[in-house]
Amino acid sequence: MSAILVSAVITFVVLIITQLLIKLLRVKYAYKGFPEPLENKHWVLGHLPIFSGKINTQTIIAKFLEWTAKYPKIFVLWFGPFDPKVVLNHPDTIKKVLKTADPKPVGFGQAYRYGLPWLGEGLLIAGGAKWKRSRRLLTPAFHFDILKPYVKIYKSCADILARNIEISGEKNESVEIVSLVSACTLDIILLCAFSYKTDCQNICGTTHPYIKAVNEIAATWNHRNRTPWLYPDLIFYRTTEGKSFKAKCDYVHQVAEDVIDKRRNTLESQDISSQRYLDFLDILLTAKDEDGKGMSKEDIRNEVDTFMFEGHDTTASAISWILYSLAENPEYQRKCQEEIDKVISETKSGQLEWKDLGRLEYLTQCIKEGMRLHSPVPGIMREIQAPIKVEDLEIPAKANVMISINSLHHNPTVWGEDHDQFKPERFSPENTEERDSFAFCPFSAGPRFTFSVDKTHKVEKQISAVMRAKDGIKLFAYKR
């Protein structure tokens, strides 16, 4: 080997090492003074081993709560020497970020990047001009008036859910509630948002392939986020897990496209103005921007995939944890039932209508407390575009910020030392009046059944795109 070649190689290596050292010093200086957990921190990998795909997610949840007790407003975690993530877990700090329109991080190794093959650049993940345009076009779809006509749909789907639960109750067997609720919320979102009837609660029961696919996609997304060697597409899509992920994404995309094509054909054969109500899909297909341009076929599919996921999966998780909380606390369950019975008895039809929902004040408190205690969405990420001053610290531009919702909802300085207890009175008018509105940041009613927990079924939380029980939630149902 010639001396010139050796010299060139040495020079190249020295330059690379020098650049890395300069970058390391800049990153370390930018986060100088930020509190950070030092226990179990690797000298090179930082806190990354704690989030390894081999670590039980229950352990990760416990770690975050432990860190929150020690650092109740802000701290930094290191995912390797060059990838710090600022964690915010208090109303005073999270509001600084949530009040901005900063995008989700989608760079290499960042959380939302690996959800793109599934959800694309829908409202959940899109940033910048694309997010602003989509939000502007879809604003008419997110209005309470659109929801009012659908109360009867909620009730009919809830009646089927109640019947399915009753079947298990008659057998004196515990029922795995998450799968049943997921089928119910999928029926509701397809009917209300897309006027698409599947009746999956009756036809498919607890094994609807769409629900199964979404659960597996979300689990793979989470696992890939926690497994750095799977970050490169070249490696991931050559693994069995990667091939399965792609197949599941293709399937859910096909479901979305079937829904879209059916509606597009309907719109072409009838005057949309003749419809009494416009649903979410109508707005997607007919929305035009100021230049008269509509949404592309891919954009529409991305929004349908996003809305179907967020509309059924996140809601199902929230409802399941609320039922679990009420089953664990029968005294609160009884009060909810008494309130529901009273409101129904005062209606002319004997049925809950839109105007009656606001009268269910105690039930609302229990719903909010259930979502606080078991946050359906454990956290969100933002990539801030300009420096932000937080607690005498300056978070630099382009920093990845983690809003730890579960930690916020269990922050002892916000909710007290009894934060792990179910206490609906936290959300009574007198208790919420003085509380910061950012302290609680997550997203029909039937008169027939009560619930109790199946104590033989261990419930473990599992973090994926939403907070869900690892092996489901089993309850006993008893007819009143």
Protein backbone atom coordinates (compact mmCIF):
# COMPACT_ATOMS: atom_id res chain seq x y z
CA MET A 1 0.00 0.00 0.00
CA SER A 2 1.49 3.35 -1.03
CA ALA A 3 2.33 6.03 1.49
CA ILE A 4 -0.05 8.44 -0.30
CA LEU A 5 -3.01 6.06 0.10
CA VAL A 6 -2.22 5.45 3.78
CA SER A 7 -1.95 9.18 4.34
CA ALA A 8 -5.29 9.78 2.59
CA VAL A 9 -7.06 7.13 4.68
CA ILE A 10 -5.62 8.48 7.93
CA THR A 11 -6.60 12.03 6.96
CA PHE A 12 -10.14 10.92 6.11
CA VAL A 13 -10.54 9.04 9.41
CA VAL A 14 -9.17 11.99 11.40
CA LEU A 15 -11.61 14.35 9.64
CA ILE A 16 -14.57 12.08 10.41
CA ILE A 17 -13.55 11.72 14.05
CA THR A 18 -13.01 15.48 14.33
CA GLN A 19 -16.45 16.21 12.86
CA LEU A 20 -18.08 13.74 15.24
CA LEU A 21 -16.27 15.25 18.23
CA ILE A 22 -17.33 18.76 17.21
CA LYS A 23 -20.93 17.60 16.79
CA LEU A 24 -20.81 15.82 20.16
CA LEU A 25 -19.47 18.92 21.92
CA ARG A 26 -22.13 21.12 20.31
CA VAL A 27 -24.94 18.76 21.33
CA LYS A 28 -23.62 18.40 24.88
CA TYR A 29 -23.24 22.17 25.21
CA ALA A 30 -26.77 22.81 23.89
CA TYR A 31 -28.22 20.59 26.64
CA LYS A 32 -25.87 21.65 29.41
CA GLY A 33 -27.82 22.16 32.62
CA PHE A 34 -30.79 20.00 31.62
CA PRO A 35 -31.68 17.51 34.38
CA GLU A 36 -31.25 13.90 33.32
CA PRO A 37 -31.49 10.47 34.97
CA LEU A 38 -27.96 9.20 35.55
CA GLU A 39 -28.74 5.73 36.90
CA ASN A 40 -28.49 2.98 34.27
CA LYS A 41 -27.19 5.47 31.70
CA HIS A 42 -24.72 3.88 29.28
CA TRP A 43 -21.62 5.96 28.56
CA VAL A 44 -22.18 5.72 24.79
CA LEU A 45 -25.77 4.58 24.24
CA GLY A 46 -27.20 6.78 26.97
CA HIS A 47 -30.70 5.71 28.01
CA LEU A 48 -31.31 3.72 24.83
CA PRO A 49 -30.87 0.27 26.49
CA ILE A 50 -33.80 1.07 28.81
CA PHE A 51 -36.05 1.30 25.74
CA SER A 52 -34.74 -1.83 24.07
CA GLY A 53 -37.32 -4.02 22.37
CA LYS A 54 -36.40 -6.71 24.89
CA ILE A 55 -37.50 -4.59 27.86
CA ASN A 56 -41.03 -5.06 29.18
CA THR A 57 -43.12 -1.98 28.45
CA GLN A 58 -44.49 -2.05 31.99
CA THR A 59 -40.92 -1.41 33.13
CA ILE A 60 -40.66 1.59 30.82
CA ILE A 61 -43.91 3.05 32.17
CA ALA A 62 -42.64 2.59 35.73
CA LYS A 63 -39.34 4.28 34.81
CA PHE A 64 -41.12 7.33 33.41
CA LEU A 65 -43.18 7.65 36.59
CA GLU A 66 -40.02 7.30 38.67
CA TRP A 67 -38.31 10.04 36.62
CA THR A 68 -41.39 12.26 36.83
CA ALA A 69 -41.36 12.06 40.63
CA LYS A 70 -37.72 13.20 40.56
CA TYR A 71 -37.95 15.66 37.65
CA PRO A 72 -41.57 16.93 37.72
CA LYS A 73 -41.33 19.43 34.86
CA ILE A 74 -38.56 18.65 32.40
CA PHE A 75 -35.66 16.25 31.84
CA VAL A 76 -33.62 14.93 28.94
CA LEU A 77 -33.04 11.35 27.77
CA TRP A 78 -30.15 10.37 25.50
CA PHE A 79 -30.83 7.89 22.70
CA GLY A 80 -27.17 7.58 21.82
CA PRO A 81 -24.56 10.36 21.97
CA PHE A 82 -26.18 12.57 19.31
CA ASP A 83 -29.92 12.10 19.90
CA PRO A 84 -31.25 13.84 23.02
CA LYS A 85 -35.00 13.92 23.62
CA VAL A 86 -36.44 16.52 25.95
CA VAL A 87 -39.27 15.10 28.07
CA LEU A 88 -41.99 17.46 29.30
CA ASN A 89 -44.43 16.23 31.95
CA HIS A 90 -46.02 19.27 33.58
CA PRO A 91 -48.68 21.78 32.43
CA ASP A 92 -46.23 24.67 32.84
CA THR A 93 -43.79 23.13 30.36
CA ILE A 94 -45.94 21.22 27.88
CA LYS A 95 -48.13 24.24 27.06
CA LYS A 96 -45.10 26.01 25.59
CA VAL A 97 -44.85 23.30 22.92
CA LEU A 98 -48.49 22.35 22.46
CA LYS A 99 -49.43 25.96 21.70
CA THR A 100 -47.22 25.81 18.60
CA ALA A 101 -47.93 24.10 15.28
CA ASP A 102 -44.52 22.44 15.25
CA PRO A 103 -44.39 19.18 13.26
CA LYS A 104 -43.91 15.59 14.35
CA PRO A 105 -40.32 14.30 13.92
CA VAL A 106 -40.01 12.05 10.86
CA GLY A 107 -36.23 11.96 10.42
CA PHE A 108 -34.18 8.76 10.44
CA GLY A 109 -34.66 6.97 13.76
CA GLN A 110 -37.53 9.23 14.85
CA ALA A 111 -40.83 7.92 16.19
CA TYR A 112 -43.28 8.92 13.47
CA ARG A 113 -41.08 7.98 10.52
CA TYR A 114 -41.97 4.32 10.82
CA GLY A 115 -45.70 5.02 10.84
CA LEU A 116 -45.53 6.68 7.41
CA PRO A 117 -45.93 3.42 5.41
CA TRP A 118 -49.24 2.93 7.22
CA LEU A 119 -50.76 6.39 7.78
CA GLY A 120 -48.81 8.44 5.26
CA GLU A 121 -48.85 12.20 5.62
CA GLY A 122 -52.33 12.41 7.10
CA LEU A 123 -53.20 14.96 9.78
CA LEU A 124 -51.53 12.86 12.48
CA ILE A 125 -48.05 12.92 10.94
CA ALA A 126 -47.97 15.64 8.25
CA GLY A 127 -46.16 18.90 8.97
CA GLY A 128 -45.57 22.31 7.47
CA ALA A 129 -47.56 23.53 4.47
CA LYS A 130 -49.09 20.10 3.84
CA TRP A 131 -50.51 19.91 7.35
CA LYS A 132 -51.86 23.47 7.15
CA ARG A 133 -53.57 22.80 3.80
CA SER A 134 -55.11 19.53 4.98
CA ARG A 135 -56.29 21.10 8.22
CA ARG A 136 -57.87 23.99 6.32
CA LEU A 137 -59.67 21.64 3.93
CA LEU A 138 -60.88 19.29 6.66
CA THR A 139 -61.94 21.84 9.28
CA PRO A 140 -65.65 21.50 8.31
CA ALA A 141 -65.46 17.78 9.16
CA PHE A 142 -64.54 18.47 12.80
CA HIS A 143 -67.66 20.19 14.09
CA PHE A 144 -70.11 19.11 16.77
CA ASP A 145 -73.08 19.69 14.46
CA ILE A 146 -71.87 16.81 12.29
CA LEU A 147 -71.99 14.47 15.30
CA LYS A 148 -75.55 15.25 16.40
CA PRO A 149 -77.39 13.06 13.85
CA TYR A 150 -75.31 10.02 14.78
CA VAL A 151 -76.52 9.44 18.35
CA LYS A 152 -78.92 6.76 17.08
CA ILE A 153 -76.01 4.99 15.39
CA TYR A 154 -73.99 5.11 18.61
CA LYS A 155 -76.92 3.57 20.47
CA SER A 156 -77.64 0.81 17.95
CA CYS A 157 -73.96 -0.22 17.92
CA ALA A 158 -73.79 -0.01 21.72
CA ASP A 159 -76.89 -2.22 21.96
CA ILE A 160 -75.12 -4.91 19.93
CA LEU A 161 -72.06 -4.56 22.17
CA ALA A 162 -74.26 -4.92 25.25
CA ARG A 163 -75.88 -8.03 23.77
CA ASN A 164 -72.49 -9.60 23.05
CA ILE A 165 -71.41 -8.86 26.62
CA GLU A 166 -74.68 -10.30 27.93
CA ILE A 167 -74.00 -13.61 26.16
CA SER A 168 -70.80 -14.00 28.17
CA GLY A 169 -72.55 -12.87 31.33
CA GLU A 170 -75.17 -15.59 30.95
CA LYS A 171 -72.39 -18.18 30.79
CA ASN A 172 -70.90 -16.78 34.00
CA GLU A 173 -67.62 -16.31 32.13
CA SER A 174 -65.39 -13.26 31.99
CA VAL A 175 -65.40 -11.41 28.69
CA GLU A 176 -62.35 -9.94 26.95
CA ILE A 177 -63.74 -6.46 26.57
CA VAL A 178 -61.15 -4.79 24.30
CA SER A 179 -61.90 -6.88 21.22
CA LEU A 180 -65.66 -6.41 21.63
CA VAL A 181 -65.34 -2.65 22.12
CA SER A 182 -62.96 -2.41 19.13
CA ALA A 183 -65.50 -4.10 16.87
CA CYS A 184 -68.16 -1.69 18.15
CA THR A 185 -66.09 1.46 17.59
CA LEU A 186 -65.08 0.23 14.12
CA ASP A 187 -68.75 -0.19 13.23
CA ILE A 188 -69.45 3.33 14.54
CA ILE A 189 -66.59 5.07 12.73
CA LEU A 190 -67.36 3.36 9.43
CA LEU A 191 -71.04 4.26 9.64
CA CYS A 192 -70.67 7.81 10.94
CA ALA A 193 -67.58 9.00 9.08
CA PHE A 194 -67.92 7.01 5.86
CA SER A 195 -71.57 5.82 5.76
CA TYR A 196 -70.08 2.35 5.24
CA LYS A 197 -71.93 -0.54 6.89
CA THR A 198 -69.93 -3.64 7.82
CA ASP A 199 -71.82 -4.93 10.87
CA CYS A 200 -68.54 -6.45 12.03
CA GLN A 201 -69.86 -6.98 15.57
CA ASN A 202 -72.37 -9.51 14.26
CA ILE A 203 -70.49 -10.93 11.28
CA CYS A 204 -66.92 -11.06 12.51
CA GLY A 205 -67.33 -11.04 16.26
CA THR A 206 -64.02 -10.55 18.01
CA THR A 207 -61.77 -11.53 15.12
CA HIS A 208 -62.32 -8.77 12.57
CA PRO A 209 -59.23 -8.87 10.32
CA TYR A 210 -58.96 -5.07 10.15
CA ILE A 211 -58.76 -4.77 13.94
CA LYS A 212 -56.21 -7.59 14.08
CA ALA A 213 -54.12 -5.95 11.34
CA VAL A 214 -54.17 -2.52 13.03
CA ASN A 215 -53.08 -4.01 16.36
CA GLU A 216 -50.19 -5.86 14.71
CA ILE A 217 -49.12 -2.83 12.66
CA ALA A 218 -49.10 -0.62 15.77
CA ALA A 219 -47.11 -3.21 17.73
CA THR A 220 -44.54 -3.51 14.94
CA TRP A 221 -44.27 0.27 14.66
CA ASN A 222 -43.52 0.45 18.38
CA HIS A 223 -41.02 -2.42 18.25
CA ARG A 224 -39.16 -0.87 15.32
CA ASN A 225 -38.92 2.45 17.15
CA ARG A 226 -37.19 0.62 20.00
CA THR A 227 -34.86 -1.48 17.83
CA PRO A 228 -32.22 0.73 16.12
CA TRP A 229 -30.86 -2.00 13.86
CA LEU A 230 -34.31 -2.17 12.22
CA TYR A 231 -34.30 1.55 11.33
CA PRO A 232 -32.88 1.08 7.79
CA ASP A 233 -35.62 0.01 5.34
CA LEU A 234 -33.05 -2.16 3.58
CA ILE A 235 -32.80 -4.34 6.69
CA PHE A 236 -36.33 -4.08 8.09
CA TYR A 237 -38.23 -5.14 4.97
CA ARG A 238 -36.02 -8.21 4.62
CA THR A 239 -37.05 -9.52 8.03
CA THR A 240 -40.13 -11.64 8.65
CA GLU A 241 -41.54 -8.84 10.79
CA GLY A 242 -40.96 -6.29 8.03
CA LYS A 243 -42.62 -8.44 5.37
CA SER A 244 -45.61 -9.00 7.64
CA PHE A 245 -45.81 -5.26 8.37
CA LYS A 246 -45.92 -4.46 4.65
CA ALA A 247 -48.60 -7.08 4.01
CA LYS A 248 -50.74 -5.72 6.86
CA CYS A 249 -50.31 -2.15 5.57
CA ASP A 250 -51.34 -3.27 2.08
CA TYR A 251 -54.45 -4.87 3.57
CA VAL A 252 -55.58 -1.82 5.59
CA HIS A 253 -54.88 0.40 2.57
CA GLN A 254 -57.12 -1.86 0.48
CA VAL A 255 -59.89 -1.58 3.08
CA ALA A 256 -59.60 2.21 2.96
CA GLU A 257 -59.59 2.27 -0.85
CA ASP A 258 -62.69 0.05 -0.97
CA VAL A 259 -64.49 2.51 1.32
CA ILE A 260 -63.36 5.46 -0.83
CA ASP A 261 -64.24 3.84 -4.17
CA LYS A 262 -67.72 2.90 -2.99
CA ARG A 263 -68.42 6.48 -1.90
CA ARG A 264 -66.88 8.02 -5.02
CA ASN A 265 -69.17 5.89 -7.19
CA THR A 266 -72.15 6.98 -5.11
CA LEU A 267 -71.24 10.67 -5.44
CA GLU A 268 -70.90 10.35 -9.20
CA SER A 269 -74.42 8.92 -9.47
CA GLN A 270 -76.24 11.39 -7.21
CA ASP A 271 -76.35 15.07 -6.28
CA ILE A 272 -74.46 15.54 -3.02
CA SER A 273 -76.61 18.56 -2.17
CA SER A 274 -79.60 16.21 -1.89
CA GLN A 275 -78.00 14.56 1.15
CA ARG A 276 -79.16 15.86 4.50
CA TYR A 277 -75.80 15.35 6.18
CA LEU A 278 -72.25 15.41 4.85
CA ASP A 279 -69.91 12.94 6.50
CA PHE A 280 -66.12 12.99 6.76
CA LEU A 281 -65.59 11.15 3.48
CA ASP A 282 -67.95 13.48 1.58
CA ILE A 283 -65.82 16.40 2.72
CA LEU A 284 -62.59 14.61 1.76
CA LEU A 285 -63.85 13.92 -1.76
CA THR A 286 -65.35 17.34 -2.42
CA ALA A 287 -63.01 19.74 -0.56
CA LYS A 288 -61.24 22.36 -2.71
CA ASP A 289 -58.53 24.82 -1.76
CA GLU A 290 -58.39 28.48 -2.79
CA ASP A 291 -56.94 27.44 -6.15
CA GLY A 292 -59.81 25.04 -6.79
CA LYS A 293 -57.63 21.96 -6.27
CA GLY A 294 -58.94 18.99 -4.35
CA MET A 295 -57.08 16.30 -2.44
CA SER A 296 -55.13 13.65 -4.34
CA LYS A 297 -56.16 10.00 -4.19
CA GLU A 298 -53.19 9.24 -1.93
CA ASP A 299 -53.99 12.17 0.38
CA ILE A 300 -57.59 10.98 0.73
CA ARG A 301 -56.45 7.46 1.56
CA ASN A 302 -53.98 8.77 4.13
CA GLU A 303 -56.72 10.72 5.88
CA VAL A 304 -59.11 7.75 5.77
CA ASP A 305 -56.43 5.45 7.24
CA THR A 306 -55.65 8.02 9.94
CA PHE A 307 -59.29 8.65 10.80
CA MET A 308 -60.15 4.94 10.90
CA PHE A 309 -57.20 4.25 13.20
CA GLU A 310 -57.72 7.20 15.54
CA GLY A 311 -61.50 6.94 15.39
CA HIS A 312 -61.77 3.28 16.34
CA ASP A 313 -58.54 2.12 17.98
CA THR A 314 -57.80 5.04 20.30
CA THR A 315 -61.48 5.32 21.24
CA ALA A 316 -61.73 1.58 21.91
CA SER A 317 -58.69 1.74 24.17
CA ALA A 318 -60.15 4.67 26.11
CA ILE A 319 -63.57 3.02 26.53
CA SER A 320 -62.01 -0.29 27.62
CA TRP A 321 -59.89 1.35 30.32
CA ILE A 322 -62.88 3.38 31.52
CA LEU A 323 -64.95 0.19 31.87
CA TYR A 324 -62.03 -1.43 33.68
CA SER A 325 -61.83 1.52 36.09
CA LEU A 326 -65.57 1.38 36.79
CA ALA A 327 -65.40 -2.39 37.28
CA GLU A 328 -62.65 -1.90 39.85
CA ASN A 329 -64.72 0.76 41.60
CA PRO A 330 -68.33 -0.50 41.81
CA GLU A 331 -69.43 2.38 44.04
CA TYR A 332 -68.64 4.86 41.24
CA GLN A 333 -70.18 2.53 38.69
CA ARG A 334 -73.41 2.51 40.70
CA LYS A 335 -73.50 6.32 40.83
CA CYS A 336 -73.02 6.49 37.05
CA GLN A 337 -75.85 4.04 36.50
CA GLU A 338 -78.17 5.97 38.80
CA GLU A 339 -77.43 9.18 36.91
CA ILE A 340 -78.07 7.50 33.54
CA ASP A 341 -81.34 5.98 34.78
CA LYS A 342 -82.49 9.36 36.09
CA VAL A 343 -81.73 11.20 32.84
CA ILE A 344 -83.41 8.51 30.72
CA SER A 345 -86.51 8.52 32.94
CA GLU A 346 -86.92 12.23 32.26
CA THR A 347 -86.86 11.90 28.47
CA LYS A 348 -90.04 11.58 26.43
CA SER A 349 -88.66 8.80 24.23
CA GLY A 350 -86.97 6.82 26.98
CA GLN A 351 -83.75 7.11 24.95
CA LEU A 352 -80.68 9.30 25.33
CA GLU A 353 -80.47 12.04 22.71
CA TRP A 354 -77.74 14.56 21.90
CA LYS A 355 -79.14 17.21 24.22
CA ASP A 356 -79.19 14.72 27.11
CA LEU A 357 -75.47 13.89 26.99
CA GLY A 358 -74.51 17.17 28.65
CA ARG A 359 -76.63 16.23 31.67
CA LEU A 360 -74.50 13.17 32.44
CA GLU A 361 -72.13 15.19 34.59
CA TYR A 362 -70.95 12.46 36.95
CA LEU A 363 -70.42 10.00 34.10
CA THR A 364 -68.33 12.67 32.36
CA GLN A 365 -66.17 12.99 35.48
CA CYS A 366 -65.65 9.21 35.54
CA ILE A 367 -64.79 9.14 31.83
CA LYS A 368 -62.18 11.86 32.26
CA GLU A 369 -60.72 10.22 35.35
CA GLY A 370 -60.55 6.89 33.52
CA MET A 371 -58.61 8.51 30.69
CA ARG A 372 -56.32 10.28 33.16
CA LEU A 373 -55.56 7.12 35.09
CA HIS A 374 -55.05 5.04 31.93
CA SER A 375 -53.98 7.50 29.24
CA PRO A 376 -55.09 6.07 25.85
CA VAL A 377 -52.23 7.91 24.12
CA PRO A 378 -49.09 7.59 26.28
CA GLY A 379 -47.20 10.43 24.62
CA ILE A 380 -46.58 12.51 21.52
CA MET A 381 -43.47 13.94 19.90
CA ARG A 382 -42.76 17.34 18.38
CA GLU A 383 -39.77 18.77 16.53
CA ILE A 384 -39.65 22.40 17.61
CA GLN A 385 -38.78 24.89 14.89
CA ALA A 386 -37.51 27.75 17.07
CA PRO A 387 -35.80 27.88 20.47
CA ILE A 388 -38.22 27.73 23.41
CA LYS A 389 -37.52 28.98 26.92
CA VAL A 390 -38.73 26.50 29.54
CA GLU A 391 -37.93 26.66 33.26
CA ASP A 392 -34.83 28.86 32.74
CA LEU A 393 -33.62 26.39 30.11
CA GLU A 394 -33.55 26.99 26.37
CA ILE A 395 -34.62 24.06 24.23
CA PRO A 396 -32.75 24.54 20.94
CA ALA A 397 -34.40 24.64 17.53
CA LYS A 398 -34.84 21.25 15.82
CA ALA A 399 -34.91 19.52 19.21
CA ASN A 400 -37.12 16.46 19.59
CA VAL A 401 -39.54 17.04 22.44
CA MET A 402 -41.55 14.24 24.03
CA ILE A 403 -44.84 15.23 25.67
CA SER A 404 -45.24 12.37 28.15
CA ILE A 405 -49.03 12.37 28.61
CA ASN A 406 -49.05 9.38 30.94
CA SER A 407 -46.40 11.03 33.13
CA LEU A 408 -48.35 14.30 33.08
CA HIS A 409 -51.48 12.47 34.25
CA HIS A 410 -49.53 10.83 37.07
CA ASN A 411 -47.44 13.82 38.09
CA PRO A 412 -47.66 14.07 41.91
CA THR A 413 -47.10 17.84 41.81
CA VAL A 414 -50.23 18.17 39.65
CA TRP A 415 -52.53 15.39 40.88
CA GLY A 416 -51.19 14.68 44.36
CA GLU A 417 -49.62 11.60 45.88
CA ASP A 418 -52.84 9.66 45.25
CA HIS A 419 -52.47 10.08 41.48
CA ASP A 420 -52.69 6.30 41.02
CA GLN A 421 -56.18 6.15 42.54
CA PHE A 422 -59.49 6.46 40.66
CA LYS A 423 -61.16 9.62 42.01
CA PRO A 424 -63.72 11.13 39.60
CA GLU A 425 -64.23 14.12 41.90
CA ARG A 426 -60.94 15.47 40.53
CA PHE A 427 -63.05 16.62 37.57
CA SER A 428 -65.89 18.19 39.52
CA PRO A 429 -66.49 21.88 38.62
CA GLU A 430 -65.02 23.14 41.90
CA ASN A 431 -61.82 21.09 41.44
CA THR A 432 -61.26 21.93 37.77
CA GLU A 433 -61.87 25.65 38.14
CA GLU A 434 -58.38 26.44 39.42
CA ARG A 435 -56.54 23.66 37.58
CA ASP A 436 -54.43 24.44 34.53
CA SER A 437 -56.27 23.40 31.36
CA PHE A 438 -53.12 21.61 30.17
CA ALA A 439 -53.10 19.30 33.19
CA PHE A 440 -55.44 16.89 31.39
CA CYS A 441 -54.58 16.24 27.75
CA PRO A 442 -55.95 12.99 26.32
CA PHE A 443 -58.49 13.43 23.13
CA SER A 444 -73.52 5.36 24.69
CA ALA A 445 -74.60 4.73 27.63
CA GLY A 446 -76.76 1.67 28.34
CA PRO A 447 -78.87 0.95 31.43
CA ARG A 448 -78.48 -2.81 31.54
CA PHE A 449 -75.13 -4.10 32.81
CA THR A 450 -72.65 -3.80 35.64
CA PHE A 451 -69.03 -4.93 35.51
CA SER A 452 -66.53 -6.49 37.87
CA VAL A 453 -62.88 -7.31 37.26
CA ASP A 454 -61.78 -10.88 36.54
CA LYS A 455 -59.04 -10.99 39.20
CA THR A 456 -57.46 -14.07 37.61
CA HIS A 457 -56.55 -12.09 34.49
CA LYS A 458 -53.44 -9.98 34.95
CA VAL A 459 -53.66 -6.68 33.12
CA GLU A 460 -50.46 -5.30 31.68
CA LYS A 461 -50.28 -2.06 29.77
CA GLN A 462 -48.57 -2.16 26.42
CA ILE A 463 -47.30 0.95 24.70
CA SER A 464 -47.81 1.04 20.96
CA ALA A 465 -49.48 3.84 19.05
CA VAL A 466 -52.04 3.79 21.87
CA MET A 467 -51.95 2.51 25.42
CA ARG A 468 -53.55 -0.92 25.44
CA ALA A 469 -53.64 -3.99 27.64
CA LYS A 470 -51.07 -6.57 26.54
CA ASP A 471 -53.46 -9.53 26.81
CA GLY A 472 -56.73 -7.62 26.75
CA ILE A 473 -59.02 -6.71 29.64
CA LYS A 474 -61.35 -9.35 31.06
CA LEU A 475 -64.48 -8.38 32.99
CA PHE A 476 -67.49 -10.22 34.33
CA ALA A 477 -70.90 -8.90 33.22
CA TYR A 478 -74.01 -9.23 35.36
CA LYS A 479 -77.50 -8.36 34.19
CA ARG A 480 -79.38 -6.02 36.53
